[in-house]
PDB file of N, CA and C in Angstrom:
ATOM      1  N   MET A   1      17.338  21.884  -2.419  1.00  0.00           N
ATOM      2  CA  MET A   1      18.398  20.920  -3.006  1.00  0.00           C
ATOM      3  C   MET A   1      18.390  20.367  -1.391  1.00  0.00           C
ATOM      4  N   ARG A   2      18.944  20.811  -0.185  1.00  0.00           N
ATOM      5  CA  ARG A   2      19.173  20.470   1.056  1.00  0.00           C
ATOM      6  C   ARG A   2      18.114  19.770   1.544  1.00  0.00           C
ATOM      7  N   VAL A   3      16.510  20.306   1.128  1.00  0.00           N
ATOM      8  CA  VAL A   3      15.518  19.782   1.884  1.00  0.00           C
ATOM      9  C   VAL A   3      15.273  18.324   1.324  1.00  0.00           C
ATOM     10  N   GLY A   4      15.525  18.368   0.080  1.00  0.00           N
ATOM     11  CA  GLY A   4      15.132  16.787  -0.342  1.00  0.00           C
ATOM     12  C   GLY A   4      16.484  15.768   0.248  1.00  0.00           C
ATOM     13  N   THR A   5      17.457  16.473   0.478  1.00  0.00           N
ATOM     14  CA  THR A   5      18.817  15.325   1.232  1.00  0.00           C
ATOM     15  C   THR A   5      17.918  15.267   2.511  1.00  0.00           C
ATOM     16  N   ALA A   6      17.686  16.238   3.203  1.00  0.00           N
ATOM     17  CA  ALA A   6      17.214  16.186   4.605  1.00  0.00           C
ATOM     18  C   ALA A   6      16.073  14.452   4.519  1.00  0.00           C
ATOM     19  N   ILE A   7      15.093  14.865   3.603  1.00  0.00           N
ATOM     20  CA  ILE A   7      13.626  13.694   3.828  1.00  0.00           C
ATOM     21  C   ILE A   7      14.381  12.617   3.429  1.00  0.00           C
ATOM     22  N   VAL A   8      15.522  12.691   1.943  1.00  0.00           N
ATOM     23  CA  VAL A   8      15.904  11.122   1.823  1.00  0.00           C
ATOM     24  C   VAL A   8      16.485  10.357   3.340  1.00  0.00           C
ATOM     25  N   LEU A   9      17.011  11.347   3.862  1.00  0.00           N
ATOM     26  CA  LEU A   9      18.167  11.005   4.951  1.00  0.00           C
ATOM     27  C   LEU A   9      17.021  10.492   6.574  1.00  0.00           C
ATOM     28  N   ILE A  10      15.850  10.960   6.452  1.00  0.00           N
ATOM     29  CA  ILE A  10      14.975  10.787   7.598  1.00  0.00           C
ATOM     30  C   ILE A  10      14.140   9.689   6.842  1.00  0.00           C
ATOM     31  N   TRP A  11      14.374   9.313   5.834  1.00  0.00           N
ATOM     32  CA  TRP A  11      13.485   8.342   5.425  1.00  0.00           C
ATOM     33  C   TRP A  11      14.490   7.352   5.373  1.00  0.00           C
ATOM     34  N   LEU A  12      15.308   7.099   5.072  1.00  0.00           N
ATOM     35  CA  LEU A  12      16.288   6.198   5.649  1.00  0.00           C
ATOM     36  C   LEU A  12      16.783   5.887   6.926  1.00  0.00           C
ATOM     37  N   VAL A  13      16.101   6.469   7.473  1.00  0.00           N
ATOM     38  CA  VAL A  13      16.419   6.623   8.989  1.00  0.00           C
ATOM     39  C   VAL A  13      16.039   5.830   9.750  1.00  0.00           C
ATOM     40  N   ILE A  14      14.337   5.995   9.342  1.00  0.00           N
ATOM     41  CA  ILE A  14      13.183   5.501   9.680  1.00  0.00           C
ATOM     42  C   ILE A  14      12.930   4.016   9.210  1.00  0.00           C
ATOM     43  N   GLY A  15      13.700   4.273   8.049  1.00  0.00           N
ATOM     44  CA  GLY A  15      13.579   2.313   7.551  1.00  0.00           C
ATOM     45  C   GLY A  15      14.561   1.863   8.262  1.00  0.00           C
ATOM     46  N   ALA A  16      16.309   1.814   8.536  1.00  0.00           N
ATOM     47  CA  ALA A  16      16.655   1.493   9.488  1.00  0.00           C
ATOM     48  C   ALA A  16      16.250   1.058  11.290  1.00  0.00           C
ATOM     49  N   ILE A  17      15.528   1.862  11.584  1.00  0.00           N
ATOM     50  CA  ILE A  17      14.668   1.753  12.521  1.00  0.00           C
ATOM     51  C   ILE A  17      13.235   0.829  13.017  1.00  0.00           C
ATOM     52  N   ALA A  18      13.372   0.367  11.609  1.00  0.00           N
ATOM     53  CA  ALA A  18      11.878  -0.604  11.402  1.00  0.00           C
ATOM     54  C   ALA A  18      12.682  -1.850  11.120  1.00  0.00           C
ATOM     55  N   ALA A  19      13.868  -1.818  10.829  1.00  0.00           N
ATOM     56  CA  ALA A  19      14.444  -3.427  10.645  1.00  0.00           C
ATOM     57  C   ALA A  19      15.092  -3.660  11.817  1.00  0.00           C
ATOM     58  N   GLY A  20      15.442  -2.444  12.648  1.00  0.00           N
ATOM     59  CA  GLY A  20      15.981  -2.850  14.013  1.00  0.00           C
ATOM     60  C   GLY A  20      15.034  -3.591  15.038  1.00  0.00           C
ATOM     61  N   GLN A  21      13.805  -2.853  15.291  1.00  0.00           N
ATOM     62  CA  GLN A  21      12.572  -3.481  15.299  1.00  0.00           C
ATOM     63  C   GLN A  21      12.366  -4.564  15.574  1.00  0.00           C
ATOM     64  N   ARG A  22      12.664  -5.006  14.265  1.00  0.00           N
ATOM     65  CA  ARG A  22      12.400  -6.448  13.769  1.00  0.00           C
ATOM     66  C   ARG A  22      13.127  -6.955  13.776  1.00  0.00           C
ATOM     67  N   HIS A  23      14.195  -6.841  14.621  1.00  0.00           N
ATOM     68  CA  HIS A  23      15.711  -7.676  14.925  1.00  0.00           C
ATOM     69  C   HIS A  23      16.215  -8.496  13.698  1.00  0.00           C
ATOM     70  N   TYR A  24      16.450  -7.629  12.459  1.00  0.00           N
ATOM     71  CA  TYR A  24      16.734  -8.224  11.761  1.00  0.00           C
ATOM     72  C   TYR A  24      18.436  -8.099  11.837  1.00  0.00           C
ATOM     73  N   TYR A  25      19.009  -7.391  12.157  1.00  0.00           N
ATOM     74  CA  TYR A  25      20.114  -7.122  12.855  1.00  0.00           C
ATOM     75  C   TYR A  25      20.787  -8.026  13.646  1.00  0.00           C
ATOM     76  N   ASP A  26      19.853  -8.841  14.210  1.00  0.00           N
ATOM     77  CA  ASP A  26      20.161  -9.554  15.500  1.00  0.00           C
ATOM     78  C   ASP A  26      21.135 -11.166  15.092  1.00  0.00           C
ATOM     79  N   ASP A  27      20.402 -11.378  13.775  1.00  0.00           N
ATOM     80  CA  ASP A  27      21.019 -12.750  13.484  1.00  0.00           C
ATOM     81  C   ASP A  27      22.720 -12.989  12.910  1.00  0.00           C
ATOM     82  N   ARG A  28      23.289 -13.407  13.498  1.00  0.00           N
ATOM     83  CA  ARG A  28      24.810 -13.711  13.160  1.00  0.00           C
ATOM     84  C   ARG A  28      24.807 -14.259  11.294  1.00  0.00           C
ATOM     85  N   LYS A  29      23.916 -15.395  11.155  1.00  0.00           N
ATOM     86  CA  LYS A  29      24.208 -15.644   9.973  1.00  0.00           C
ATOM     87  C   LYS A  29      23.384 -14.871   8.971  1.00  0.00           C
ATOM     88  N   ALA A  30      24.720 -15.038   7.987  1.00  0.00           N
ATOM     89  CA  ALA A  30      24.469 -14.111   7.014  1.00  0.00           C
ATOM     90  C   ALA A  30      23.671 -14.911   5.473  1.00  0.00           C
ATOM     91  N   SER A  31      23.116 -14.295   4.352  1.00  0.00           N
ATOM     92  CA  SER A  31      22.749 -14.886   3.736  1.00  0.00           C
ATOM     93  C   SER A  31      21.768 -13.869   2.683  1.00  0.00           C
ATOM     94  N   CYS A  32      21.895 -14.296   1.804  1.00  0.00           N
ATOM     95  CA  CYS A  32      21.533 -13.270   0.503  1.00  0.00           C
ATOM     96  C   CYS A  32      19.958 -12.927   1.141  1.00  0.00           C
ATOM     97  N   ALA A  33      19.075 -13.772   1.225  1.00  0.00           N
ATOM     98  CA  ALA A  33      17.436 -13.243   1.710  1.00  0.00           C
ATOM     99  C   ALA A  33      17.651 -12.426   2.854  1.00  0.00           C
ATOM    100  N   LYS A  34      18.801 -12.741   3.852  1.00  0.00           N
ATOM    101  CA  LYS A  34      18.691 -11.582   5.287  1.00  0.00           C
ATOM    102  C   LYS A  34      18.823 -10.025   4.488  1.00  0.00           C
ATOM    103  N   ALA A  35      20.198 -10.231   3.954  1.00  0.00           N
ATOM    104  CA  ALA A  35      20.721  -9.020   3.275  1.00  0.00           C
ATOM    105  C   ALA A  35      19.809  -8.478   2.355  1.00  0.00           C
ATOM    106  N   GLY A  36      19.060  -8.758   1.795  1.00  0.00           N
ATOM    107  CA  GLY A  36      18.108  -8.383   0.577  1.00  0.00           C
ATOM    108  C   GLY A  36      16.891  -8.006   1.738  1.00  0.00           C
ATOM    109  N   THR A  37      16.577  -8.432   2.443  1.00  0.00           N
ATOM    110  CA  THR A  37      15.206  -8.467   3.390  1.00  0.00           C
ATOM    111  C   THR A  37      15.718  -6.730   4.098  1.00  0.00           C
ATOM    112  N   ILE A  38      16.797  -7.117   4.756  1.00  0.00           N
ATOM    113  CA  ILE A  38      17.247  -5.506   5.148  1.00  0.00           C
ATOM    114  C   ILE A  38      17.303  -4.326   4.442  1.00  0.00           C
ATOM    115  N   VAL A  39      17.592  -4.395   3.490  1.00  0.00           N
ATOM    116  CA  VAL A  39      17.998  -3.378   2.130  1.00  0.00           C
ATOM    117  C   VAL A  39      16.621  -3.195   1.570  1.00  0.00           C
ATOM    118  N   VAL A  40      15.937  -3.694   1.391  1.00  0.00           N
ATOM    119  CA  VAL A  40      14.378  -3.083   0.955  1.00  0.00           C
ATOM    120  C   VAL A  40      13.571  -3.109   2.210  1.00  0.00           C
ATOM    121  N   THR A  41      13.357  -3.369   3.732  1.00  0.00           N
ATOM    122  CA  THR A  41      12.979  -2.680   4.445  1.00  0.00           C
ATOM    123  C   THR A  41      13.352  -1.407   4.800  1.00  0.00           C
ATOM    124  N   ILE A  42      14.581  -1.074   5.236  1.00  0.00           N
ATOM    125  CA  ILE A  42      15.179   0.309   4.554  1.00  0.00           C
ATOM    126  C   ILE A  42      15.114   1.197   3.804  1.00  0.00           C
ATOM    127  N   LEU A  43      14.961   0.928   2.583  1.00  0.00           N
ATOM    128  CA  LEU A  43      14.315   1.777   1.462  1.00  0.00           C
ATOM    129  C   LEU A  43      12.775   1.479   1.628  1.00  0.00           C
ATOM    130  N   ALA A  44      11.932   0.622   2.125  1.00  0.00           N
ATOM    131  CA  ALA A  44      11.030   1.318   2.413  1.00  0.00           C
ATOM    132  C   ALA A  44      10.067   2.101   3.405  1.00  0.00           C
ATOM    133  N   GLY A  45      11.418   2.655   4.612  1.00  0.00           N
ATOM    134  CA  GLY A  45      11.439   3.572   4.855  1.00  0.00           C
ATOM    135  C   GLY A  45       9.914   3.716   6.206  1.00  0.00           C
ATOM    136  N   PRO A  46       9.199   4.838   5.855  1.00  0.00           N
ATOM    137  CA  PRO A  46       7.830   4.930   6.588  1.00  0.00           C
ATOM    138  C   PRO A  46       6.812   3.901   6.690  1.00  0.00           C
ATOM    139  N   LEU A  47       6.963   3.638   5.255  1.00  0.00           N
ATOM    140  CA  LEU A  47       5.737   2.372   4.759  1.00  0.00           C
ATOM    141  C   LEU A  47       5.718   1.312   5.949  1.00  0.00           C
ATOM    142  N   ASN A  48       6.542   1.336   6.299  1.00  0.00           N
ATOM    143  CA  ASN A  48       6.771  -0.101   7.298  1.00  0.00           C
ATOM    144  C   ASN A  48       5.529   0.147   8.264  1.00  0.00           C
ATOM    145  N   TYR A  49       5.750   1.521   8.890  1.00  0.00           N
ATOM    146  CA  TYR A  49       4.747   1.357   9.756  1.00  0.00           C
ATOM    147  C   TYR A  49       3.182   1.663   9.559  1.00  0.00           C
ATOM    148  N   VAL A  50       3.046   1.444   8.183  1.00  0.00           N
ATOM    149  CA  VAL A  50       1.484   1.698   7.777  1.00  0.00           C
ATOM    150  C   VAL A  50       1.032   0.054   6.913  1.00  0.00           C
ATOM    151  N   GLY A  51       2.046  -0.686   7.463  1.00  0.00           N
ATOM    152  CA  GLY A  51       1.833  -2.023   7.099  1.00  0.00           C
ATOM    153  C   GLY A  51       2.423  -3.050   6.086  1.00  0.00           C
ATOM    154  N   ALA A  52       3.621  -2.545   5.612  1.00  0.00           N
ATOM    155  CA  ALA A  52       4.753  -2.801   4.385  1.00  0.00           C
ATOM    156  C   ALA A  52       5.653  -4.224   5.566  1.00  0.00           C
ATOM    157  N   ASN A  53       5.863  -4.973   5.189  1.00  0.00           N
ATOM    158  CA  ASN A  53       6.537  -5.915   5.709  1.00  0.00           C
ATOM    159  C   ASN A  53       7.166  -6.561   4.115  1.00  0.00           C
ATOM    160  N   PRO A  54       8.205  -5.894   3.933  1.00  0.00           N
ATOM    161  CA  PRO A  54       8.674  -6.525   2.661  1.00  0.00           C
ATOM    162  C   PRO A  54      10.223  -7.403   2.955  1.00  0.00           C
ATOM    163  N   LYS A  55       9.976  -8.682   2.221  1.00  0.00           N
ATOM    164  CA  LYS A  55      10.391  -9.967   2.416  1.00  0.00           C
ATOM    165  C   LYS A  55      11.144 -10.453   0.959  1.00  0.00           C
ATOM    166  N   VAL A  56      12.444 -10.428   1.101  1.00  0.00           N
ATOM    167  CA  VAL A  56      13.022 -10.996  -0.454  1.00  0.00           C
ATOM    168  C   VAL A  56      13.410 -12.427   0.269  1.00  0.00           C
ATOM    169  N   HIS A  57      13.306 -13.376  -0.657  1.00  0.00           N
ATOM    170  CA  HIS A  57      13.508 -14.546  -0.927  1.00  0.00           C
ATOM    171  C   HIS A  57      14.687 -14.630  -2.314  1.00  0.00           C
ATOM    172  N   CYS A  58      15.643 -15.446  -1.795  1.00  0.00           N
ATOM    173  CA  CYS A  58      16.573 -15.680  -3.126  1.00  0.00           C
ATOM    174  C   CYS A  58      17.189 -16.718  -2.021  1.00  0.00           C
ATOM    175  N   LYS A  59      18.217 -17.712  -3.704  1.00  0.00           N
ATOM    176  CA  LYS A  59      18.283 -19.033  -3.492  1.00  0.00           C
ATOM    177  C   LYS A  59      20.295 -18.837  -4.106  1.00  0.00           C
ATOM    178  N   THR A  60      20.732 -19.005  -4.020  1.00  0.00           N
ATOM    179  CA  THR A  60      22.255 -19.138  -4.310  1.00  0.00           C
ATOM    180  C   THR A  60      22.702 -20.267  -4.608  1.00  0.00           C
ATOM    181  N   PRO A  61      23.490 -20.203  -5.368  1.00  0.00           N
ATOM    182  CA  PRO A  61      23.569 -21.879  -6.029  1.00  0.00           C
ATOM    183  C   PRO A  61      24.835 -22.633  -5.135  1.00  0.00           C
ATOM    184  N   GLU A  62      24.509 -23.849  -5.128  1.00  0.00           N
ATOM    185  CA  GLU A  62      25.718 -24.377  -4.314  1.00  0.00           C
ATOM    186  C   GLU A  62      26.793 -24.927  -5.225  1.00  0.00           C
ATOM    187  N   PRO A  63      27.961 -25.001  -4.448  1.00  0.00           N
ATOM    188  CA  PRO A  63      29.090 -25.329  -5.185  1.00  0.00           C
ATOM    189  C   PRO A  63      28.913 -27.151  -5.584  1.00  0.00           C
ATOM    190  N   SER A  64      29.675 -26.976  -6.658  1.00  0.00           N
ATOM    191  CA  SER A  64      29.360 -28.268  -7.169  1.00  0.00           C
ATOM    192  C   SER A  64      30.806 -29.397  -6.272  1.00  0.00           C
ATOM    193  N   LYS A  65      30.783 -30.480  -6.397  1.00  0.00           N
ATOM    194  CA  LYS A  65      31.265 -31.586  -5.267  1.00  0.00           C
ATOM    195  C   LYS A  65      32.258 -32.145  -6.188  1.00  0.00           C
TER     196      LYS A  65
END
């Protein structure tokens, strides 16, 4: 059980590093797509270094006037 936990933790840390290298944390403007892309990049982990470049596109509804 501890080995599996360590593997998952290392996987997520590698994903967080990949997101940082792509400067996803630098932009102050928050959006649904930005947050989704960061989460998917972190979950992809080491796959980011073998060519995975996950992006999320979403559109939130505009408030009515």
